Amino acid sequence: MPDSIIILIILSLCLGTGVWLIFLWAVRKGEFDDTEGPKFRMLADDDPPRSSNETEENDNDHDRPHE
């Protein structure tokens, strides 16, 4: 019984150290520099507005049979 506890303690320390090293690597690589940007980036609409002709053509395309 005590042997399994020692193995589990060593295993948990190794896993914890590995996770900590991966976290430090991610911080140094800049993964957590801009946590606010992505939620605002999705709101930026860079596509030009479509003209009314393009909208009508696209709406009527689904009525035609496919060839």
PDB file of N, CA and C in Angstrom:
ATOM      1  N   MET A   1       0.812  -1.202   0.000  1.00  0.00           N
ATOM      2  CA  MET A   1       0.000   0.000   0.000  1.00  0.00           C
ATOM      3  C   MET A   1       0.855   1.265   0.000  1.00  0.00           C
ATOM      4  N   PRO A   2       1.851   1.425   0.838  1.00  0.00           N
ATOM      5  CA  PRO A   2       2.662   2.648   0.824  1.00  0.00           C
ATOM      6  C   PRO A   2       3.430   2.832  -0.486  1.00  0.00           C
ATOM      7  N   ASP A   3       3.775   1.737  -1.172  1.00  0.00           N
ATOM      8  CA  ASP A   3       4.491   1.878  -2.440  1.00  0.00           C
ATOM      9  C   ASP A   3       3.624   2.572  -3.489  1.00  0.00           C
ATOM     10  N   SER A   4       2.353   2.239  -3.513  1.00  0.00           N
ATOM     11  CA  SER A   4       1.471   2.861  -4.499  1.00  0.00           C
ATOM     12  C   SER A   4       1.261   4.346  -4.199  1.00  0.00           C
ATOM     13  N   ILE A   5       1.239   4.716  -2.934  1.00  0.00           N
ATOM     14  CA  ILE A   5       1.088   6.131  -2.575  1.00  0.00           C
ATOM     15  C   ILE A   5       2.319   6.921  -3.011  1.00  0.00           C
ATOM     16  N   ILE A   6       3.492   6.357  -2.814  1.00  0.00           N
ATOM     17  CA  ILE A   6       4.732   7.028  -3.227  1.00  0.00           C
ATOM     18  C   ILE A   6       4.751   7.196  -4.742  1.00  0.00           C
ATOM     19  N   ILE A   7       4.339   6.162  -5.465  1.00  0.00           N
ATOM     20  CA  ILE A   7       4.299   6.250  -6.929  1.00  0.00           C
ATOM     21  C   ILE A   7       3.306   7.324  -7.369  1.00  0.00           C
ATOM     22  N   LEU A   8       2.150   7.384  -6.734  1.00  0.00           N
ATOM     23  CA  LEU A   8       1.154   8.394  -7.092  1.00  0.00           C
ATOM     24  C   LEU A   8       1.629   9.809  -6.767  1.00  0.00           C
ATOM     25  N   ILE A   9       2.328   9.983  -5.665  1.00  0.00           N
ATOM     26  CA  ILE A   9       2.865  11.302  -5.309  1.00  0.00           C
ATOM     27  C   ILE A   9       3.908  11.734  -6.327  1.00  0.00           C
ATOM     28  N   ILE A  10       4.800  10.830  -6.697  1.00  0.00           N
ATOM     29  CA  ILE A  10       5.839  11.154  -7.688  1.00  0.00           C
ATOM     30  C   ILE A  10       5.196  11.465  -9.040  1.00  0.00           C
ATOM     31  N   LEU A  11       4.204  10.662  -9.415  1.00  0.00           N
ATOM     32  CA  LEU A  11       3.516  10.893 -10.685  1.00  0.00           C
ATOM     33  C   LEU A  11       2.804  12.248 -10.698  1.00  0.00           C
ATOM     34  N   SER A  12       2.141  12.597  -9.616  1.00  0.00           N
ATOM     35  CA  SER A  12       1.438  13.886  -9.568  1.00  0.00           C
ATOM     36  C   SER A  12       2.416  15.053  -9.577  1.00  0.00           C
ATOM     37  N   LEU A  13       3.561  14.910  -8.926  1.00  0.00           N
ATOM     38  CA  LEU A  13       4.572  15.973  -8.962  1.00  0.00           C
ATOM     39  C   LEU A  13       5.136  16.138 -10.372  1.00  0.00           C
ATOM     40  N   CYS A  14       5.360  15.036 -11.062  1.00  0.00           N
ATOM     41  CA  CYS A  14       5.864  15.113 -12.439  1.00  0.00           C
ATOM     42  C   CYS A  14       4.837  15.774 -13.361  1.00  0.00           C
ATOM     43  N   LEU A  15       3.580  15.389 -13.237  1.00  0.00           N
ATOM     44  CA  LEU A  15       2.541  15.998 -14.067  1.00  0.00           C
ATOM     45  C   LEU A  15       2.367  17.482 -13.747  1.00  0.00           C
ATOM     46  N   GLY A  16       2.393  17.827 -12.476  1.00  0.00           N
ATOM     47  CA  GLY A  16       2.272  19.232 -12.087  1.00  0.00           C
ATOM     48  C   GLY A  16       3.425  20.069 -12.613  1.00  0.00           C
ATOM     49  N   THR A  17       4.633  19.514 -12.540  1.00  0.00           N
ATOM     50  CA  THR A  17       5.807  20.219 -13.068  1.00  0.00           C
ATOM     51  C   THR A  17       5.691  20.397 -14.577  1.00  0.00           C
ATOM     52  N   GLY A  18       5.212  19.356 -15.263  1.00  0.00           N
ATOM     53  CA  GLY A  18       5.036  19.452 -16.714  1.00  0.00           C
ATOM     54  C   GLY A  18       4.031  20.518 -17.101  1.00  0.00           C
ATOM     55  N   VAL A  19       2.920  20.572 -16.408  1.00  0.00           N
ATOM     56  CA  VAL A  19       1.901  21.589 -16.695  1.00  0.00           C
ATOM     57  C   VAL A  19       2.445  22.983 -16.407  1.00  0.00           C
ATOM     58  N   TRP A  20       3.191  23.123 -15.330  1.00  0.00           N
ATOM     59  CA  TRP A  20       3.773  24.422 -14.983  1.00  0.00           C
ATOM     60  C   TRP A  20       4.759  24.871 -16.060  1.00  0.00           C
ATOM     61  N   LEU A  21       5.578  23.949 -16.572  1.00  0.00           N
ATOM     62  CA  LEU A  21       6.541  24.298 -17.618  1.00  0.00           C
ATOM     63  C   LEU A  21       5.830  24.691 -18.916  1.00  0.00           C
ATOM     64  N   ILE A  22       4.772  23.982 -19.253  1.00  0.00           N
ATOM     65  CA  ILE A  22       4.007  24.347 -20.453  1.00  0.00           C
ATOM     66  C   ILE A  22       3.359  25.719 -20.280  1.00  0.00           C
ATOM     67  N   PHE A  23       2.860  26.007 -19.096  1.00  0.00           N
ATOM     68  CA  PHE A  23       2.271  27.320 -18.824  1.00  0.00           C
ATOM     69  C   PHE A  23       3.319  28.423 -18.957  1.00  0.00           C
ATOM     70  N   LEU A  24       4.500  28.211 -18.383  1.00  0.00           N
ATOM     71  CA  LEU A  24       5.564  29.215 -18.496  1.00  0.00           C
ATOM     72  C   LEU A  24       5.977  29.413 -19.947  1.00  0.00           C
ATOM     73  N   TRP A  25       6.054  28.330 -20.706  1.00  0.00           N
ATOM     74  CA  TRP A  25       6.404  28.433 -22.123  1.00  0.00           C
ATOM     75  C   TRP A  25       5.358  29.278 -22.859  1.00  0.00           C
ATOM     76  N   ALA A  26       4.080  29.050 -22.574  1.00  0.00           N
ATOM     77  CA  ALA A  26       3.014  29.794 -23.244  1.00  0.00           C
ATOM     78  C   ALA A  26       3.060  31.275 -22.879  1.00  0.00           C
ATOM     79  N   VAL A  27       3.358  31.587 -21.631  1.00  0.00           N
ATOM     80  CA  VAL A  27       3.450  32.991 -21.211  1.00  0.00           C
ATOM     81  C   VAL A  27       4.616  33.670 -21.915  1.00  0.00           C
ATOM     82  N   ARG A  28       5.734  32.987 -22.021  1.00  0.00           N
ATOM     83  CA  ARG A  28       6.908  33.588 -22.683  1.00  0.00           C
ATOM     84  C   ARG A  28       6.705  33.739 -24.182  1.00  0.00           C
ATOM     85  N   LYS A  29       5.895  32.878 -24.787  1.00  0.00           N
ATOM     86  CA  LYS A  29       5.627  32.973 -26.218  1.00  0.00           C
ATOM     87  C   LYS A  29       4.575  34.035 -26.533  1.00  0.00           C
ATOM     88  N   GLY A  30       3.923  34.579 -25.503  1.00  0.00           N
ATOM     89  CA  GLY A  30       2.963  35.652 -25.715  1.00  0.00           C
ATOM     90  C   GLY A  30       1.544  35.182 -25.959  1.00  0.00           C
ATOM     91  N   GLU A  31       1.208  33.987 -25.552  1.00  0.00           N
ATOM     92  CA  GLU A  31      -0.140  33.476 -25.767  1.00  0.00           C
ATOM     93  C   GLU A  31      -1.190  34.239 -24.963  1.00  0.00           C
ATOM     94  N   PHE A  32      -0.798  34.857 -23.878  1.00  0.00           N
ATOM     95  CA  PHE A  32      -1.750  35.536 -23.002  1.00  0.00           C
ATOM     96  C   PHE A  32      -1.574  37.049 -23.026  1.00  0.00           C
ATOM     97  N   ASP A  33      -0.939  37.580 -24.068  1.00  0.00           N
ATOM     98  CA  ASP A  33      -0.704  39.020 -24.135  1.00  0.00           C
ATOM     99  C   ASP A  33      -1.997  39.806 -24.332  1.00  0.00           C
ATOM    100  N   ASP A  34      -2.814  39.377 -25.278  1.00  0.00           N
ATOM    101  CA  ASP A  34      -4.028  40.119 -25.609  1.00  0.00           C
ATOM    102  C   ASP A  34      -5.236  39.217 -25.392  1.00  0.00           C
ATOM    103  N   THR A  35      -5.814  39.289 -24.209  1.00  0.00           N
ATOM    104  CA  THR A  35      -6.974  38.447 -23.930  1.00  0.00           C
ATOM    105  C   THR A  35      -8.282  39.141 -24.284  1.00  0.00           C
ATOM    106  N   GLU A  36      -8.267  40.451 -24.485  1.00  0.00           N
ATOM    107  CA  GLU A  36      -9.483  41.200 -24.784  1.00  0.00           C
ATOM    108  C   GLU A  36      -9.707  41.366 -26.286  1.00  0.00           C
ATOM    109  N   GLY A  37      -8.656  41.298 -27.082  1.00  0.00           N
ATOM    110  CA  GLY A  37      -8.758  41.574 -28.508  1.00  0.00           C
ATOM    111  C   GLY A  37      -9.675  40.667 -29.301  1.00  0.00           C
ATOM    112  N   PRO A  38      -9.610  39.346 -29.126  1.00  0.00           N
ATOM    113  CA  PRO A  38     -10.428  38.469 -29.975  1.00  0.00           C
ATOM    114  C   PRO A  38     -11.926  38.721 -29.878  1.00  0.00           C
ATOM    115  N   LYS A  39     -12.433  39.079 -28.722  1.00  0.00           N
ATOM    116  CA  LYS A  39     -13.881  39.294 -28.626  1.00  0.00           C
ATOM    117  C   LYS A  39     -14.313  40.552 -29.359  1.00  0.00           C
ATOM    118  N   PHE A  40     -13.414  41.526 -29.523  1.00  0.00           N
ATOM    119  CA  PHE A  40     -13.755  42.716 -30.287  1.00  0.00           C
ATOM    120  C   PHE A  40     -13.419  42.542 -31.762  1.00  0.00           C
ATOM    121  N   ARG A  41     -12.450  41.696 -32.081  1.00  0.00           N
ATOM    122  CA  ARG A  41     -12.043  41.468 -33.460  1.00  0.00           C
ATOM    123  C   ARG A  41     -13.175  40.833 -34.259  1.00  0.00           C
ATOM    124  N   MET A  42     -13.968  39.983 -33.626  1.00  0.00           N
ATOM    125  CA  MET A  42     -15.058  39.343 -34.361  1.00  0.00           C
ATOM    126  C   MET A  42     -16.168  40.331 -34.708  1.00  0.00           C
ATOM    127  N   LEU A  43     -16.222  41.460 -34.021  1.00  0.00           N
ATOM    128  CA  LEU A  43     -17.243  42.462 -34.306  1.00  0.00           C
ATOM    129  C   LEU A  43     -16.851  43.394 -35.442  1.00  0.00           C
ATOM    130  N   ALA A  44     -15.572  43.442 -35.776  1.00  0.00           N
ATOM    131  CA  ALA A  44     -15.106  44.311 -36.850  1.00  0.00           C
ATOM    132  C   ALA A  44     -15.538  43.714 -38.184  1.00  0.00           C
ATOM    133  N   ASP A  45     -16.332  44.446 -38.926  1.00  0.00           N
ATOM    134  CA  ASP A  45     -16.841  43.972 -40.206  1.00  0.00           C
ATOM    135  C   ASP A  45     -16.007  44.598 -41.308  1.00  0.00           C
ATOM    136  N   ASP A  46     -15.125  43.813 -41.904  1.00  0.00           N
ATOM    137  CA  ASP A  46     -14.243  44.322 -42.944  1.00  0.00           C
ATOM    138  C   ASP A  46     -14.820  44.126 -44.342  1.00  0.00           C
ATOM    139  N   ASP A  47     -15.879  43.353 -44.481  1.00  0.00           N
ATOM    140  CA  ASP A  47     -16.456  43.103 -45.792  1.00  0.00           C
ATOM    141  C   ASP A  47     -17.248  44.322 -46.248  1.00  0.00           C
ATOM    142  N   PRO A  48     -17.086  44.705 -47.514  1.00  0.00           N
ATOM    143  CA  PRO A  48     -17.894  45.830 -48.010  1.00  0.00           C
ATOM    144  C   PRO A  48     -19.354  45.394 -48.110  1.00  0.00           C
ATOM    145  N   PRO A  49     -20.270  46.320 -47.922  1.00  0.00           N
ATOM    146  CA  PRO A  49     -21.692  45.955 -48.026  1.00  0.00           C
ATOM    147  C   PRO A  49     -22.035  45.527 -49.449  1.00  0.00           C
ATOM    148  N   ARG A  50     -22.901  44.523 -49.564  1.00  0.00           N
ATOM    149  CA  ARG A  50     -23.303  44.036 -50.884  1.00  0.00           C
ATOM    150  C   ARG A  50     -24.344  44.971 -51.481  1.00  0.00           C
ATOM    151  N   SER A  51     -24.299  45.093 -52.809  1.00  0.00           N
ATOM    152  CA  SER A  51     -25.298  45.934 -53.470  1.00  0.00           C
ATOM    153  C   SER A  51     -26.631  45.194 -53.497  1.00  0.00           C
ATOM    154  N   SER A  52     -27.687  45.922 -53.776  1.00  0.00           N
ATOM    155  CA  SER A  52     -29.015  45.296 -53.785  1.00  0.00           C
ATOM    156  C   SER A  52     -29.138  44.293 -54.932  1.00  0.00           C
ATOM    157  N   ASN A  53     -28.431  44.511 -56.056  1.00  0.00           N
ATOM    158  CA  ASN A  53     -28.476  43.565 -57.177  1.00  0.00           C
ATOM    159  C   ASN A  53     -27.874  42.224 -56.777  1.00  0.00           C
ATOM    160  N   GLU A  54     -26.754  42.247 -56.082  1.00  0.00           N
ATOM    161  CA  GLU A  54     -26.122  40.998 -55.649  1.00  0.00           C
ATOM    162  C   GLU A  54     -27.019  40.254 -54.678  1.00  0.00           C
ATOM    163  N   THR A  55     -27.672  40.971 -53.811  1.00  0.00           N
ATOM    164  CA  THR A  55     -28.551  40.343 -52.829  1.00  0.00           C
ATOM    165  C   THR A  55     -29.738  39.681 -53.523  1.00  0.00           C
ATOM    166  N   GLU A  56     -30.351  40.375 -54.497  1.00  0.00           N
ATOM    167  CA  GLU A  56     -31.499  39.808 -55.210  1.00  0.00           C
ATOM    168  C   GLU A  56     -31.087  38.592 -56.025  1.00  0.00           C
ATOM    169  N   GLU A  57     -29.912  38.632 -56.677  1.00  0.00           N
ATOM    170  CA  GLU A  57     -29.442  37.494 -57.464  1.00  0.00           C
ATOM    171  C   GLU A  57     -29.198  36.287 -56.569  1.00  0.00           C
ATOM    172  N   ASN A  58     -28.593  36.499 -55.428  1.00  0.00           N
ATOM    173  CA  ASN A  58     -28.317  35.397 -54.518  1.00  0.00           C
ATOM    174  C   ASN A  58     -29.605  34.831 -53.931  1.00  0.00           C
ATOM    175  N   ASP A  59     -30.585  35.686 -53.689  1.00  0.00           N
ATOM    176  CA  ASP A  59     -31.857  35.209 -53.145  1.00  0.00           C
ATOM    177  C   ASP A  59     -32.619  34.382 -54.175  1.00  0.00           C
ATOM    178  N   ASN A  60     -32.496  34.744 -55.454  1.00  0.00           N
ATOM    179  CA  ASN A  60     -33.221  34.029 -56.508  1.00  0.00           C
ATOM    180  C   ASN A  60     -32.508  32.754 -56.940  1.00  0.00           C
ATOM    181  N   ASP A  61     -31.258  32.569 -56.589  1.00  0.00           N
ATOM    182  CA  ASP A  61     -30.504  31.383 -57.000  1.00  0.00           C
ATOM    183  C   ASP A  61     -31.103  30.105 -56.435  1.00  0.00           C
ATOM    184  N   HIS A  62     -31.670  30.152 -55.262  1.00  0.00           N
ATOM    185  CA  HIS A  62     -32.182  28.924 -54.661  1.00  0.00           C
ATOM    186  C   HIS A  62     -33.490  28.476 -55.323  1.00  0.00           C
ATOM    187  N   ASP A  63     -34.141  29.371 -56.111  1.00  0.00           N
ATOM    188  CA  ASP A  63     -35.380  28.999 -56.798  1.00  0.00           C
ATOM    189  C   ASP A  63     -35.103  28.231 -58.086  1.00  0.00           C
ATOM    190  N   ARG A  64     -33.932  28.439 -58.685  1.00  0.00           N
ATOM    191  CA  ARG A  64     -33.605  27.786 -59.947  1.00  0.00           C
ATOM    192  C   ARG A  64     -33.146  26.352 -59.699  1.00  0.00           C
ATOM    193  N   PRO A  65     -33.501  25.442 -60.613  1.00  0.00           N
ATOM    194  CA  PRO A  65     -32.989  24.060 -60.464  1.00  0.00           C
ATOM    195  C   PRO A  65     -31.507  24.013 -60.805  1.00  0.00           C
ATOM    196  N   HIS A  66     -30.786  23.142 -60.154  1.00  0.00           N
ATOM    197  CA  HIS A  66     -29.352  22.998 -60.415  1.00  0.00           C
ATOM    198  C   HIS A  66     -29.146  22.182 -61.676  1.00  0.00           C
ATOM    199  N   GLU A  67     -28.184  22.598 -62.486  1.00  0.00           N
ATOM    200  CA  GLU A  67     -27.910  21.884 -63.741  1.00  0.00           C
ATOM    201  C   GLU A  67     -26.744  20.961 -63.597  1.00  0.00           C
TER     202      GLU A  67
END
